[in-house]
Amino acid sequence: GLNYRALQSRILYMMRTLLTLLKYQDVINAVDNFGNSATTEALLNDNFATAEYLYKQGGRVMMSEDKLAATLCYLLAQGKKKALAAWIKSGADPNARDMNNKTAYQFAYDTVTRSPSISY
């Protein structure tokens, strides 16, 4: 079964960590070994409320431009509107370019114009 005590302990630890980050604004945008900020990690884990809160506290989406563009293109391709909106609301740049020099907008346009089964 689910160990509620362990879960509660983990949640309290995460809350303390978040409060510590917020106390020291200069580290709220610190990046991990993969180049991702806390806001980025929240978004990658579909924790949109946390990402929005971090953004309001000064947290920003921090990841390489090509990875950001690829992520936005993936969300578009999968039809994940809620996730895409959360990324944009949290400061993700929709004009970021992927390794093919395409933005998410260009990817969406190319996808629609190449798919005759899509109609509006």
PDB file of N, CA and C in Angstrom:
ATOM      1  N   GLY A   1       0.804  -1.183   0.000  1.00  0.00           N
ATOM      2  CA  GLY A   1       0.000   0.000   0.000  1.00  0.00           C
ATOM      3  C   GLY A   1       0.851   1.252   0.000  1.00  0.00           C
ATOM      4  N   LEU A   2       0.185   2.334   0.022  1.00  0.00           N
ATOM      5  CA  LEU A   2       0.830   3.643   0.000  1.00  0.00           C
ATOM      6  C   LEU A   2       1.285   4.006   1.405  1.00  0.00           C
ATOM      7  N   ASN A   3       2.527   4.405   1.542  1.00  0.00           N
ATOM      8  CA  ASN A   3       3.072   4.804   2.827  1.00  0.00           C
ATOM      9  C   ASN A   3       2.845   6.310   2.993  1.00  0.00           C
ATOM     10  N   TYR A   4       1.758   6.651   3.708  1.00  0.00           N
ATOM     11  CA  TYR A   4       1.379   8.053   3.853  1.00  0.00           C
ATOM     12  C   TYR A   4       2.400   8.854   4.648  1.00  0.00           C
ATOM     13  N   ARG A   5       3.022   8.225   5.632  1.00  0.00           N
ATOM     14  CA  ARG A   5       4.020   8.922   6.439  1.00  0.00           C
ATOM     15  C   ARG A   5       5.228   9.321   5.586  1.00  0.00           C
ATOM     16  N   ALA A   6       5.667   8.412   4.730  1.00  0.00           N
ATOM     17  CA  ALA A   6       6.803   8.706   3.846  1.00  0.00           C
ATOM     18  C   ALA A   6       6.421   9.783   2.840  1.00  0.00           C
ATOM     19  N   LEU A   7       5.202   9.696   2.326  1.00  0.00           N
ATOM     20  CA  LEU A   7       4.722  10.695   1.379  1.00  0.00           C
ATOM     21  C   LEU A   7       4.641  12.070   2.043  1.00  0.00           C
ATOM     22  N   GLN A   8       4.101  12.120   3.247  1.00  0.00           N
ATOM     23  CA  GLN A   8       3.995  13.378   3.983  1.00  0.00           C
ATOM     24  C   GLN A   8       5.390  13.952   4.251  1.00  0.00           C
ATOM     25  N   SER A   9       6.312  13.105   4.624  1.00  0.00           N
ATOM     26  CA  SER A   9       7.676  13.543   4.884  1.00  0.00           C
ATOM     27  C   SER A   9       8.317  14.115   3.623  1.00  0.00           C
ATOM     28  N   ARG A  10       8.098  13.465   2.496  1.00  0.00           N
ATOM     29  CA  ARG A  10       8.657  13.935   1.224  1.00  0.00           C
ATOM     30  C   ARG A  10       8.066  15.286   0.819  1.00  0.00           C
ATOM     31  N   ILE A  11       6.764  15.440   1.006  1.00  0.00           N
ATOM     32  CA  ILE A  11       6.097  16.698   0.682  1.00  0.00           C
ATOM     33  C   ILE A  11       6.631  17.826   1.565  1.00  0.00           C
ATOM     34  N   LEU A  12       6.796  17.570   2.844  1.00  0.00           N
ATOM     35  CA  LEU A  12       7.337  18.587   3.747  1.00  0.00           C
ATOM     36  C   LEU A  12       8.761  18.966   3.347  1.00  0.00           C
ATOM     37  N   TYR A  13       9.558  17.990   2.960  1.00  0.00           N
ATOM     38  CA  TYR A  13      10.926  18.257   2.517  1.00  0.00           C
ATOM     39  C   TYR A  13      10.911  19.146   1.270  1.00  0.00           C
ATOM     40  N   MET A  14      10.043  18.824   0.314  1.00  0.00           N
ATOM     41  CA  MET A  14       9.957  19.604  -0.916  1.00  0.00           C
ATOM     42  C   MET A  14       9.492  21.024  -0.624  1.00  0.00           C
ATOM     43  N   MET A  15       8.547  21.181   0.318  1.00  0.00           N
ATOM     44  CA  MET A  15       8.056  22.513   0.667  1.00  0.00           C
ATOM     45  C   MET A  15       9.162  23.337   1.322  1.00  0.00           C
ATOM     46  N   ARG A  16       9.937  22.719   2.212  1.00  0.00           N
ATOM     47  CA  ARG A  16      11.050  23.425   2.851  1.00  0.00           C
ATOM     48  C   ARG A  16      12.081  23.858   1.814  1.00  0.00           C
ATOM     49  N   THR A  17      12.358  22.974   0.867  1.00  0.00           N
ATOM     50  CA  THR A  17      13.312  23.298  -0.193  1.00  0.00           C
ATOM     51  C   THR A  17      12.807  24.477  -1.019  1.00  0.00           C
ATOM     52  N   LEU A  18      11.530  24.455  -1.369  1.00  0.00           N
ATOM     53  CA  LEU A  18      10.936  25.537  -2.146  1.00  0.00           C
ATOM     54  C   LEU A  18      10.992  26.856  -1.380  1.00  0.00           C
ATOM     55  N   LEU A  19      10.656  26.820  -0.108  1.00  0.00           N
ATOM     56  CA  LEU A  19      10.697  28.039   0.706  1.00  0.00           C
ATOM     57  C   LEU A  19      12.121  28.580   0.827  1.00  0.00           C
ATOM     58  N   THR A  20      13.082  27.690   0.928  1.00  0.00           N
ATOM     59  CA  THR A  20      14.484  28.109   0.978  1.00  0.00           C
ATOM     60  C   THR A  20      14.879  28.793  -0.323  1.00  0.00           C
ATOM     61  N   LEU A  21      14.479  28.205  -1.451  1.00  0.00           N
ATOM     62  CA  LEU A  21      14.765  28.820  -2.751  1.00  0.00           C
ATOM     63  C   LEU A  21      14.159  30.208  -2.849  1.00  0.00           C
ATOM     64  N   LEU A  22      12.933  30.337  -2.380  1.00  0.00           N
ATOM     65  CA  LEU A  22      12.246  31.623  -2.464  1.00  0.00           C
ATOM     66  C   LEU A  22      12.867  32.657  -1.539  1.00  0.00           C
ATOM     67  N   LYS A  23      13.429  32.199  -0.430  1.00  0.00           N
ATOM     68  CA  LYS A  23      14.086  33.101   0.512  1.00  0.00           C
ATOM     69  C   LYS A  23      15.330  33.719  -0.123  1.00  0.00           C
ATOM     70  N   TYR A  24      16.004  32.933  -0.924  1.00  0.00           N
ATOM     71  CA  TYR A  24      17.225  33.390  -1.581  1.00  0.00           C
ATOM     72  C   TYR A  24      16.946  33.568  -3.075  1.00  0.00           C
ATOM     73  N   GLN A  25      16.371  34.715  -3.434  1.00  0.00           N
ATOM     74  CA  GLN A  25      15.941  34.970  -4.797  1.00  0.00           C
ATOM     75  C   GLN A  25      17.032  34.747  -5.840  1.00  0.00           C
ATOM     76  N   ASP A  26      18.276  34.980  -5.451  1.00  0.00           N
ATOM     77  CA  ASP A  26      19.352  34.849  -6.427  1.00  0.00           C
ATOM     78  C   ASP A  26      19.569  33.410  -6.871  1.00  0.00           C
ATOM     79  N   VAL A  27      19.055  32.447  -6.132  1.00  0.00           N
ATOM     80  CA  VAL A  27      19.232  31.052  -6.540  1.00  0.00           C
ATOM     81  C   VAL A  27      17.948  30.433  -7.089  1.00  0.00           C
ATOM     82  N   ILE A  28      16.883  31.195  -7.161  1.00  0.00           N
ATOM     83  CA  ILE A  28      15.628  30.623  -7.655  1.00  0.00           C
ATOM     84  C   ILE A  28      15.773  30.162  -9.104  1.00  0.00           C
ATOM     85  N   ASN A  29      16.683  30.792  -9.829  1.00  0.00           N
ATOM     86  CA  ASN A  29      16.911  30.409 -11.217  1.00  0.00           C
ATOM     87  C   ASN A  29      18.187  29.598 -11.404  1.00  0.00           C
ATOM     88  N   ALA A  30      18.713  29.073 -10.306  1.00  0.00           N
ATOM     89  CA  ALA A  30      19.882  28.199 -10.413  1.00  0.00           C
ATOM     90  C   ALA A  30      19.494  26.985 -11.256  1.00  0.00           C
ATOM     91  N   VAL A  31      20.441  26.457 -11.988  1.00  0.00           N
ATOM     92  CA  VAL A  31      20.158  25.318 -12.857  1.00  0.00           C
ATOM     93  C   VAL A  31      20.835  24.054 -12.328  1.00  0.00           C
ATOM     94  N   ASP A  32      20.222  22.927 -12.645  1.00  0.00           N
ATOM     95  CA  ASP A  32      20.771  21.641 -12.245  1.00  0.00           C
ATOM     96  C   ASP A  32      21.814  21.177 -13.265  1.00  0.00           C
ATOM     97  N   ASN A  33      22.280  19.957 -13.118  1.00  0.00           N
ATOM     98  CA  ASN A  33      23.311  19.417 -14.020  1.00  0.00           C
ATOM     99  C   ASN A  33      22.844  19.330 -15.474  1.00  0.00           C
ATOM    100  N   PHE A  34      21.540  19.389 -15.696  1.00  0.00           N
ATOM    101  CA  PHE A  34      20.992  19.304 -17.049  1.00  0.00           C
ATOM    102  C   PHE A  34      20.678  20.684 -17.624  1.00  0.00           C
ATOM    103  N   GLY A  35      20.961  21.739 -16.843  1.00  0.00           N
ATOM    104  CA  GLY A  35      20.713  23.099 -17.303  1.00  0.00           C
ATOM    105  C   GLY A  35      19.294  23.571 -17.086  1.00  0.00           C
ATOM    106  N   ASN A  36      18.531  22.883 -16.231  1.00  0.00           N
ATOM    107  CA  ASN A  36      17.132  23.229 -15.990  1.00  0.00           C
ATOM    108  C   ASN A  36      16.955  23.923 -14.644  1.00  0.00           C
ATOM    109  N   SER A  37      16.103  24.945 -14.622  1.00  0.00           N
ATOM    110  CA  SER A  37      15.761  25.634 -13.381  1.00  0.00           C
ATOM    111  C   SER A  37      14.629  24.885 -12.673  1.00  0.00           C
ATOM    112  N   ALA A  38      14.312  25.332 -11.461  1.00  0.00           N
ATOM    113  CA  ALA A  38      13.205  24.721 -10.706  1.00  0.00           C
ATOM    114  C   ALA A  38      11.887  24.898 -11.457  1.00  0.00           C
ATOM    115  N   THR A  39      11.702  26.063 -12.091  1.00  0.00           N
ATOM    116  CA  THR A  39      10.483  26.307 -12.873  1.00  0.00           C
ATOM    117  C   THR A  39      10.396  25.322 -14.032  1.00  0.00           C
ATOM    118  N   THR A  40      11.524  25.122 -14.706  1.00  0.00           N
ATOM    119  CA  THR A  40      11.565  24.173 -15.822  1.00  0.00           C
ATOM    120  C   THR A  40      11.245  22.763 -15.345  1.00  0.00           C
ATOM    121  N   GLU A  41      11.835  22.362 -14.239  1.00  0.00           N
ATOM    122  CA  GLU A  41      11.592  21.017 -13.706  1.00  0.00           C
ATOM    123  C   GLU A  41      10.121  20.833 -13.348  1.00  0.00           C
ATOM    124  N   ALA A  42       9.513  21.872 -12.767  1.00  0.00           N
ATOM    125  CA  ALA A  42       8.081  21.786 -12.439  1.00  0.00           C
ATOM    126  C   ALA A  42       7.259  21.561 -13.704  1.00  0.00           C
ATOM    127  N   LEU A  43       7.580  22.290 -14.761  1.00  0.00           N
ATOM    128  CA  LEU A  43       6.852  22.139 -16.025  1.00  0.00           C
ATOM    129  C   LEU A  43       7.089  20.771 -16.650  1.00  0.00           C
ATOM    130  N   LEU A  44       8.328  20.307 -16.623  1.00  0.00           N
ATOM    131  CA  LEU A  44       8.645  18.993 -17.204  1.00  0.00           C
ATOM    132  C   LEU A  44       7.893  17.874 -16.498  1.00  0.00           C
ATOM    133  N   ASN A  45       7.555  18.112 -15.224  1.00  0.00           N
ATOM    134  CA  ASN A  45       6.826  17.109 -14.442  1.00  0.00           C
ATOM    135  C   ASN A  45       5.335  17.411 -14.357  1.00  0.00           C
ATOM    136  N   ASP A  46       4.853  18.284 -15.251  1.00  0.00           N
ATOM    137  CA  ASP A  46       3.432  18.654 -15.322  1.00  0.00           C
ATOM    138  C   ASP A  46       2.884  19.212 -14.012  1.00  0.00           C
ATOM    139  N   ASN A  47       3.744  19.861 -13.239  1.00  0.00           N
ATOM    140  CA  ASN A  47       3.303  20.504 -12.011  1.00  0.00           C
ATOM    141  C   ASN A  47       3.122  21.990 -12.303  1.00  0.00           C
ATOM    142  N   PHE A  48       2.027  22.288 -12.986  1.00  0.00           N
ATOM    143  CA  PHE A  48       1.793  23.623 -13.518  1.00  0.00           C
ATOM    144  C   PHE A  48       1.551  24.668 -12.438  1.00  0.00           C
ATOM    145  N   ALA A  49       0.886  24.282 -11.358  1.00  0.00           N
ATOM    146  CA  ALA A  49       0.624  25.237 -10.271  1.00  0.00           C
ATOM    147  C   ALA A  49       1.937  25.680  -9.632  1.00  0.00           C
ATOM    148  N   THR A  50       2.842  24.749  -9.419  1.00  0.00           N
ATOM    149  CA  THR A  50       4.146  25.094  -8.846  1.00  0.00           C
ATOM    150  C   THR A  50       4.935  25.978  -9.797  1.00  0.00           C
ATOM    151  N   ALA A  51       4.907  25.655 -11.085  1.00  0.00           N
ATOM    152  CA  ALA A  51       5.617  26.453 -12.079  1.00  0.00           C
ATOM    153  C   ALA A  51       5.084  27.882 -12.101  1.00  0.00           C
ATOM    154  N   GLU A  52       3.774  28.031 -12.061  1.00  0.00           N
ATOM    155  CA  GLU A  52       3.172  29.361 -12.072  1.00  0.00           C
ATOM    156  C   GLU A  52       3.569  30.137 -10.819  1.00  0.00           C
ATOM    157  N   TYR A  53       3.550  29.463  -9.680  1.00  0.00           N
ATOM    158  CA  TYR A  53       3.940  30.104  -8.422  1.00  0.00           C
ATOM    159  C   TYR A  53       5.402  30.549  -8.479  1.00  0.00           C
ATOM    160  N   LEU A  54       6.278  29.661  -8.949  1.00  0.00           N
ATOM    161  CA  LEU A  54       7.694  30.006  -9.063  1.00  0.00           C
ATOM    162  C   LEU A  54       7.898  31.189 -10.004  1.00  0.00           C
ATOM    163  N   TYR A  55       7.163  31.203 -11.104  1.00  0.00           N
ATOM    164  CA  TYR A  55       7.266  32.309 -12.063  1.00  0.00           C
ATOM    165  C   TYR A  55       6.895  33.631 -11.394  1.00  0.00           C
ATOM    166  N   LYS A  56       5.820  33.609 -10.626  1.00  0.00           N
ATOM    167  CA  LYS A  56       5.377  34.829  -9.934  1.00  0.00           C
ATOM    168  C   LYS A  56       6.404  35.291  -8.903  1.00  0.00           C
ATOM    169  N   GLN A  57       7.216  34.357  -8.411  1.00  0.00           N
ATOM    170  CA  GLN A  57       8.257  34.685  -7.437  1.00  0.00           C
ATOM    171  C   GLN A  57       9.588  35.030  -8.096  1.00  0.00           C
ATOM    172  N   GLY A  58       9.616  35.056  -9.417  1.00  0.00           N
ATOM    173  CA  GLY A  58      10.836  35.422 -10.124  1.00  0.00           C
ATOM    174  C   GLY A  58      11.530  34.254 -10.816  1.00  0.00           C
ATOM    175  N   GLY A  59      10.985  33.065 -10.671  1.00  0.00           N
ATOM    176  CA  GLY A  59      11.562  31.894 -11.334  1.00  0.00           C
ATOM    177  C   GLY A  59      11.313  31.958 -12.834  1.00  0.00           C
ATOM    178  N   ARG A  60      12.245  31.489 -13.601  1.00  0.00           N
ATOM    179  CA  ARG A  60      12.120  31.526 -15.052  1.00  0.00           C
ATOM    180  C   ARG A  60      12.414  30.155 -15.660  1.00  0.00           C
ATOM    181  N   VAL A  61      11.885  29.952 -16.854  1.00  0.00           N
ATOM    182  CA  VAL A  61      12.191  28.745 -17.612  1.00  0.00           C
ATOM    183  C   VAL A  61      13.635  28.879 -18.062  1.00  0.00           C
ATOM    184  N   MET A  62      14.460  27.961 -17.624  1.00  0.00           N
ATOM    185  CA  MET A  62      15.875  27.989 -17.961  1.00  0.00           C
ATOM    186  C   MET A  62      16.242  26.626 -18.537  1.00  0.00           C
ATOM    187  N   MET A  63      16.499  26.604 -19.834  1.00  0.00           N
ATOM    188  CA  MET A  63      17.009  25.426 -20.522  1.00  0.00           C
ATOM    189  C   MET A  63      17.548  25.909 -21.860  1.00  0.00           C
ATOM    190  N   SER A  64      18.314  25.080 -22.516  1.00  0.00           N
ATOM    191  CA  SER A  64      18.881  25.525 -23.788  1.00  0.00           C
ATOM    192  C   SER A  64      17.760  25.832 -24.780  1.00  0.00           C
ATOM    193  N   GLU A  65      18.036  26.774 -25.681  1.00  0.00           N
ATOM    194  CA  GLU A  65      17.012  27.205 -26.635  1.00  0.00           C
ATOM    195  C   GLU A  65      16.521  26.055 -27.502  1.00  0.00           C
ATOM    196  N   ASP A  66      17.429  25.208 -27.978  1.00  0.00           N
ATOM    197  CA  ASP A  66      16.988  24.115 -28.850  1.00  0.00           C
ATOM    198  C   ASP A  66      16.149  23.092 -28.088  1.00  0.00           C
ATOM    199  N   LYS A  67      16.493  22.851 -26.816  1.00  0.00           N
ATOM    200  CA  LYS A  67      15.681  21.925 -26.019  1.00  0.00           C
ATOM    201  C   LYS A  67      14.301  22.511 -25.722  1.00  0.00           C
ATOM    202  N   LEU A  68      14.263  23.820 -25.461  1.00  0.00           N
ATOM    203  CA  LEU A  68      12.986  24.485 -25.214  1.00  0.00           C
ATOM    204  C   LEU A  68      12.106  24.406 -26.454  1.00  0.00           C
ATOM    205  N   ALA A  69      12.670  24.735 -27.609  1.00  0.00           N
ATOM    206  CA  ALA A  69      11.893  24.682 -28.855  1.00  0.00           C
ATOM    207  C   ALA A  69      11.401  23.260 -29.129  1.00  0.00           C
ATOM    208  N   ALA A  70      12.263  22.276 -28.910  1.00  0.00           N
ATOM    209  CA  ALA A  70      11.869  20.882 -29.126  1.00  0.00           C
ATOM    210  C   ALA A  70      10.741  20.483 -28.177  1.00  0.00           C
ATOM    211  N   THR A  71      10.807  20.963 -26.941  1.00  0.00           N
ATOM    212  CA  THR A  71       9.755  20.662 -25.965  1.00  0.00           C
ATOM    213  C   THR A  71       8.431  21.277 -26.397  1.00  0.00           C
ATOM    214  N   LEU A  72       8.462  22.526 -26.815  1.00  0.00           N
ATOM    215  CA  LEU A  72       7.229  23.188 -27.261  1.00  0.00           C
ATOM    216  C   LEU A  72       6.659  22.503 -28.501  1.00  0.00           C
ATOM    217  N   CYS A  73       7.520  22.101 -29.420  1.00  0.00           N
ATOM    218  CA  CYS A  73       7.068  21.379 -30.620  1.00  0.00           C
ATOM    219  C   CYS A  73       6.447  20.044 -30.239  1.00  0.00           C
ATOM    220  N   TYR A  74       7.061  19.348 -29.284  1.00  0.00           N
ATOM    221  CA  TYR A  74       6.518  18.067 -28.814  1.00  0.00           C
ATOM    222  C   TYR A  74       5.121  18.269 -28.224  1.00  0.00           C
ATOM    223  N   LEU A  75       4.971  19.292 -27.389  1.00  0.00           N
ATOM    224  CA  LEU A  75       3.661  19.555 -26.782  1.00  0.00           C
ATOM    225  C   LEU A  75       2.616  19.861 -27.850  1.00  0.00           C
ATOM    226  N   LEU A  76       3.009  20.614 -28.869  1.00  0.00           N
ATOM    227  CA  LEU A  76       2.105  20.896 -29.987  1.00  0.00           C
ATOM    228  C   LEU A  76       1.722  19.610 -30.718  1.00  0.00           C
ATOM    229  N   ALA A  77       2.720  18.797 -31.013  1.00  0.00           N
ATOM    230  CA  ALA A  77       2.474  17.556 -31.759  1.00  0.00           C
ATOM    231  C   ALA A  77       1.562  16.607 -30.992  1.00  0.00           C
ATOM    232  N   GLN A  78       1.679  16.619 -29.658  1.00  0.00           N
ATOM    233  CA  GLN A  78       0.868  15.733 -28.829  1.00  0.00           C
ATOM    234  C   GLN A  78      -0.501  16.329 -28.488  1.00  0.00           C
ATOM    235  N   GLY A  79      -0.731  17.575 -28.894  1.00  0.00           N
ATOM    236  CA  GLY A  79      -2.010  18.224 -28.601  1.00  0.00           C
ATOM    237  C   GLY A  79      -2.183  18.564 -27.136  1.00  0.00           C
ATOM    238  N   LYS A  80      -1.099  18.786 -26.432  1.00  0.00           N
ATOM    239  CA  LYS A  80      -1.145  19.066 -24.994  1.00  0.00           C
ATOM    240  C   LYS A  80      -1.301  20.574 -24.767  1.00  0.00           C
ATOM    241  N   LYS A  81      -2.526  21.046 -24.990  1.00  0.00           N
ATOM    242  CA  LYS A  81      -2.810  22.478 -24.917  1.00  0.00           C
ATOM    243  C   LYS A  81      -2.585  23.056 -23.526  1.00  0.00           C
ATOM    244  N   LYS A  82      -3.029  22.335 -22.498  1.00  0.00           N
ATOM    245  CA  LYS A  82      -2.879  22.824 -21.126  1.00  0.00           C
ATOM    246  C   LYS A  82      -1.391  22.963 -20.771  1.00  0.00           C
ATOM    247  N   ALA A  83      -0.608  21.968 -21.139  1.00  0.00           N
ATOM    248  CA  ALA A  83       0.828  22.003 -20.847  1.00  0.00           C
ATOM    249  C   ALA A  83       1.495  23.128 -21.626  1.00  0.00           C
ATOM    250  N   LEU A  84       1.146  23.270 -22.892  1.00  0.00           N
ATOM    251  CA  LEU A  84       1.732  24.323 -23.722  1.00  0.00           C
ATOM    252  C   LEU A  84       1.414  25.704 -23.144  1.00  0.00           C
ATOM    253  N   ALA A  85       0.171  25.900 -22.735  1.00  0.00           N
ATOM    254  CA  ALA A  85      -0.228  27.175 -22.131  1.00  0.00           C
ATOM    255  C   ALA A  85       0.550  27.433 -20.843  1.00  0.00           C
ATOM    256  N   ALA A  86       0.751  26.399 -20.045  1.00  0.00           N
ATOM    257  CA  ALA A  86       1.501  26.555 -18.792  1.00  0.00           C
ATOM    258  C   ALA A  86       2.945  26.951 -19.062  1.00  0.00           C
ATOM    259  N   TRP A  87       3.556  26.348 -20.076  1.00  0.00           N
ATOM    260  CA  TRP A  87       4.937  26.709 -20.433  1.00  0.00           C
ATOM    261  C   TRP A  87       5.011  28.177 -20.839  1.00  0.00           C
ATOM    262  N   ILE A  88       4.083  28.612 -21.693  1.00  0.00           N
ATOM    263  CA  ILE A  88       4.086  29.991 -22.176  1.00  0.00           C
ATOM    264  C   ILE A  88       3.816  30.960 -21.016  1.00  0.00           C
ATOM    265  N   LYS A  89       2.829  30.626 -20.157  1.00  0.00           N
ATOM    266  CA  LYS A  89       2.515  31.473 -19.002  1.00  0.00           C
ATOM    267  C   LYS A  89       3.690  31.575 -18.045  1.00  0.00           C
ATOM    268  N   SER A  90       4.532  30.557 -18.029  1.00  0.00           N
ATOM    269  CA  SER A  90       5.682  30.541 -17.124  1.00  0.00           C
ATOM    270  C   SER A  90       6.933  31.136 -17.764  1.00  0.00           C
ATOM    271  N   GLY A  91       6.761  31.776 -18.892  1.00  0.00           N
ATOM    272  CA  GLY A  91       7.860  32.516 -19.488  1.00  0.00           C
ATOM    273  C   GLY A  91       8.643  31.819 -20.577  1.00  0.00           C
ATOM    274  N   ALA A  92       8.194  30.649 -21.026  1.00  0.00           N
ATOM    275  CA  ALA A  92       8.896  29.981 -22.131  1.00  0.00           C
ATOM    276  C   ALA A  92       8.761  30.823 -23.391  1.00  0.00           C
ATOM    277  N   ASP A  93       9.838  30.994 -24.095  1.00  0.00           N
ATOM    278  CA  ASP A  93       9.839  31.824 -25.302  1.00  0.00           C
ATOM    279  C   ASP A  93       9.340  31.016 -26.500  1.00  0.00           C
ATOM    280  N   PRO A  94       8.149  31.328 -27.009  1.00  0.00           N
ATOM    281  CA  PRO A  94       7.622  30.578 -28.155  1.00  0.00           C
ATOM    282  C   PRO A  94       8.417  30.816 -29.439  1.00  0.00           C
ATOM    283  N   ASN A  95       9.317  31.796 -29.404  1.00  0.00           N
ATOM    284  CA  ASN A  95      10.164  32.071 -30.565  1.00  0.00           C
ATOM    285  C   ASN A  95      11.508  31.351 -30.496  1.00  0.00           C
ATOM    286  N   ALA A  96      11.662  30.482 -29.489  1.00  0.00           N
ATOM    287  CA  ALA A  96      12.896  29.697 -29.394  1.00  0.00           C
ATOM    288  C   ALA A  96      13.002  28.801 -30.628  1.00  0.00           C
ATOM    289  N   ARG A  97      14.227  28.606 -31.099  1.00  0.00           N
ATOM    290  CA  ARG A  97      14.458  27.823 -32.324  1.00  0.00           C
ATOM    291  C   ARG A  97      15.125  26.499 -32.001  1.00  0.00           C
ATOM    292  N   ASP A  98      14.638  25.451 -32.665  1.00  0.00           N
ATOM    293  CA  ASP A  98      15.208  24.123 -32.471  1.00  0.00           C
ATOM    294  C   ASP A  98      16.454  23.944 -33.336  1.00  0.00           C
ATOM    295  N   MET A  99      16.962  22.733 -33.378  1.00  0.00           N
ATOM    296  CA  MET A  99      18.192  22.460 -34.129  1.00  0.00           C
ATOM    297  C   MET A  99      18.013  22.650 -35.638  1.00  0.00           C
ATOM    298  N   ASN A 100      16.764  22.663 -36.107  1.00  0.00           N
ATOM    299  CA  ASN A 100      16.467  22.911 -37.524  1.00  0.00           C
ATOM    300  C   ASN A 100      16.116  24.378 -37.778  1.00  0.00           C
ATOM    301  N   ASN A 101      16.354  25.212 -36.755  1.00  0.00           N
ATOM    302  CA  ASN A 101      16.086  26.643 -36.834  1.00  0.00           C
ATOM    303  C   ASN A 101      14.592  26.953 -36.979  1.00  0.00           C
ATOM    304  N   LYS A 102      13.745  26.066 -36.450  1.00  0.00           N
ATOM    305  CA  LYS A 102      12.291  26.253 -36.511  1.00  0.00           C
ATOM    306  C   LYS A 102      11.756  26.631 -35.130  1.00  0.00           C
ATOM    307  N   THR A 103      10.771  27.510 -35.115  1.00  0.00           N
ATOM    308  CA  THR A 103      10.072  27.826 -33.873  1.00  0.00           C
ATOM    309  C   THR A 103       8.865  26.892 -33.753  1.00  0.00           C
ATOM    310  N   ALA A 104       8.235  26.900 -32.590  1.00  0.00           N
ATOM    311  CA  ALA A 104       7.035  26.086 -32.400  1.00  0.00           C
ATOM    312  C   ALA A 104       5.926  26.529 -33.355  1.00  0.00           C
ATOM    313  N   TYR A 105       5.850  27.830 -33.616  1.00  0.00           N
ATOM    314  CA  TYR A 105       4.846  28.339 -34.552  1.00  0.00           C
ATOM    315  C   TYR A 105       5.087  27.782 -35.962  1.00  0.00           C
ATOM    316  N   GLN A 106       6.331  27.785 -36.375  1.00  0.00           N
ATOM    317  CA  GLN A 106       6.659  27.249 -37.701  1.00  0.00           C
ATOM    318  C   GLN A 106       6.360  25.753 -37.762  1.00  0.00           C
ATOM    319  N   PHE A 107       6.662  25.047 -36.678  1.00  0.00           N
ATOM    320  CA  PHE A 107       6.369  23.618 -36.610  1.00  0.00           C
ATOM    321  C   PHE A 107       4.864  23.385 -36.753  1.00  0.00           C
ATOM    322  N   ALA A 108       4.069  24.169 -36.038  1.00  0.00           N
ATOM    323  CA  ALA A 108       2.607  24.023 -36.113  1.00  0.00           C
ATOM    324  C   ALA A 108       2.105  24.309 -37.520  1.00  0.00           C
ATOM    325  N   TYR A 109       2.606  25.369 -38.123  1.00  0.00           N
ATOM    326  CA  TYR A 109       2.198  25.723 -39.486  1.00  0.00           C
ATOM    327  C   TYR A 109       2.565  24.602 -40.461  1.00  0.00           C
ATOM    328  N   ASP A 110       3.807  24.131 -40.373  1.00  0.00           N
ATOM    329  CA  ASP A 110       4.255  23.054 -41.262  1.00  0.00           C
ATOM    330  C   ASP A 110       3.417  21.799 -41.083  1.00  0.00           C
ATOM    331  N   THR A 111       3.066  21.503 -39.842  1.00  0.00           N
ATOM    332  CA  THR A 111       2.273  20.303 -39.549  1.00  0.00           C
ATOM    333  C   THR A 111       0.887  20.409 -40.157  1.00  0.00           C
ATOM    334  N   VAL A 112       0.258  21.564 -40.000  1.00  0.00           N
ATOM    335  CA  VAL A 112      -1.097  21.762 -40.518  1.00  0.00           C
ATOM    336  C   VAL A 112      -1.096  21.769 -42.040  1.00  0.00           C
ATOM    337  N   THR A 113      -0.145  22.434 -42.648  1.00  0.00           N
ATOM    338  CA  THR A 113      -0.139  22.529 -44.113  1.00  0.00           C
ATOM    339  C   THR A 113       0.265  21.214 -44.780  1.00  0.00           C
ATOM    340  N   ARG A 114       0.933  20.327 -44.053  1.00  0.00           N
ATOM    341  CA  ARG A 114       1.304  19.026 -44.624  1.00  0.00           C
ATOM    342  C   ARG A 114       0.287  17.928 -44.320  1.00  0.00           C
ATOM    343  N   SER A 115      -0.727  18.226 -43.484  1.00  0.00           N
ATOM    344  CA  SER A 115      -1.695  17.222 -43.089  1.00  0.00           C
ATOM    345  C   SER A 115      -3.056  17.513 -43.717  1.00  0.00           C
ATOM    346  N   PRO A 116      -3.359  16.885 -44.833  1.00  0.00           N
ATOM    347  CA  PRO A 116      -4.629  17.164 -45.507  1.00  0.00           C
ATOM    348  C   PRO A 116      -5.847  16.699 -44.702  1.00  0.00           C
ATOM    349  N   SER A 117      -5.642  15.822 -43.702  1.00  0.00           N
ATOM    350  CA  SER A 117      -6.774  15.328 -42.918  1.00  0.00           C
ATOM    351  C   SER A 117      -7.249  16.341 -41.881  1.00  0.00           C
ATOM    352  N   ILE A 118      -6.456  17.382 -41.628  1.00  0.00           N
ATOM    353  CA  ILE A 118      -6.849  18.386 -40.653  1.00  0.00           C
ATOM    354  C   ILE A 118      -7.667  19.455 -41.354  1.00  0.00           C
ATOM    355  N   SER A 119      -8.840  19.732 -40.825  1.00  0.00           N
ATOM    356  CA  SER A 119      -9.673  20.784 -41.411  1.00  0.00           C
ATOM    357  C   SER A 119     -10.173  21.700 -40.322  1.00  0.00           C
ATOM    358  N   TYR A 120     -10.438  22.941 -40.727  1.00  0.00           N
ATOM    359  CA  TYR A 120     -10.926  23.936 -39.778  1.00  0.00           C
ATOM    360  C   TYR A 120     -12.191  24.548 -40.272  1.00  0.00           C
TER     361      TYR A 120
END
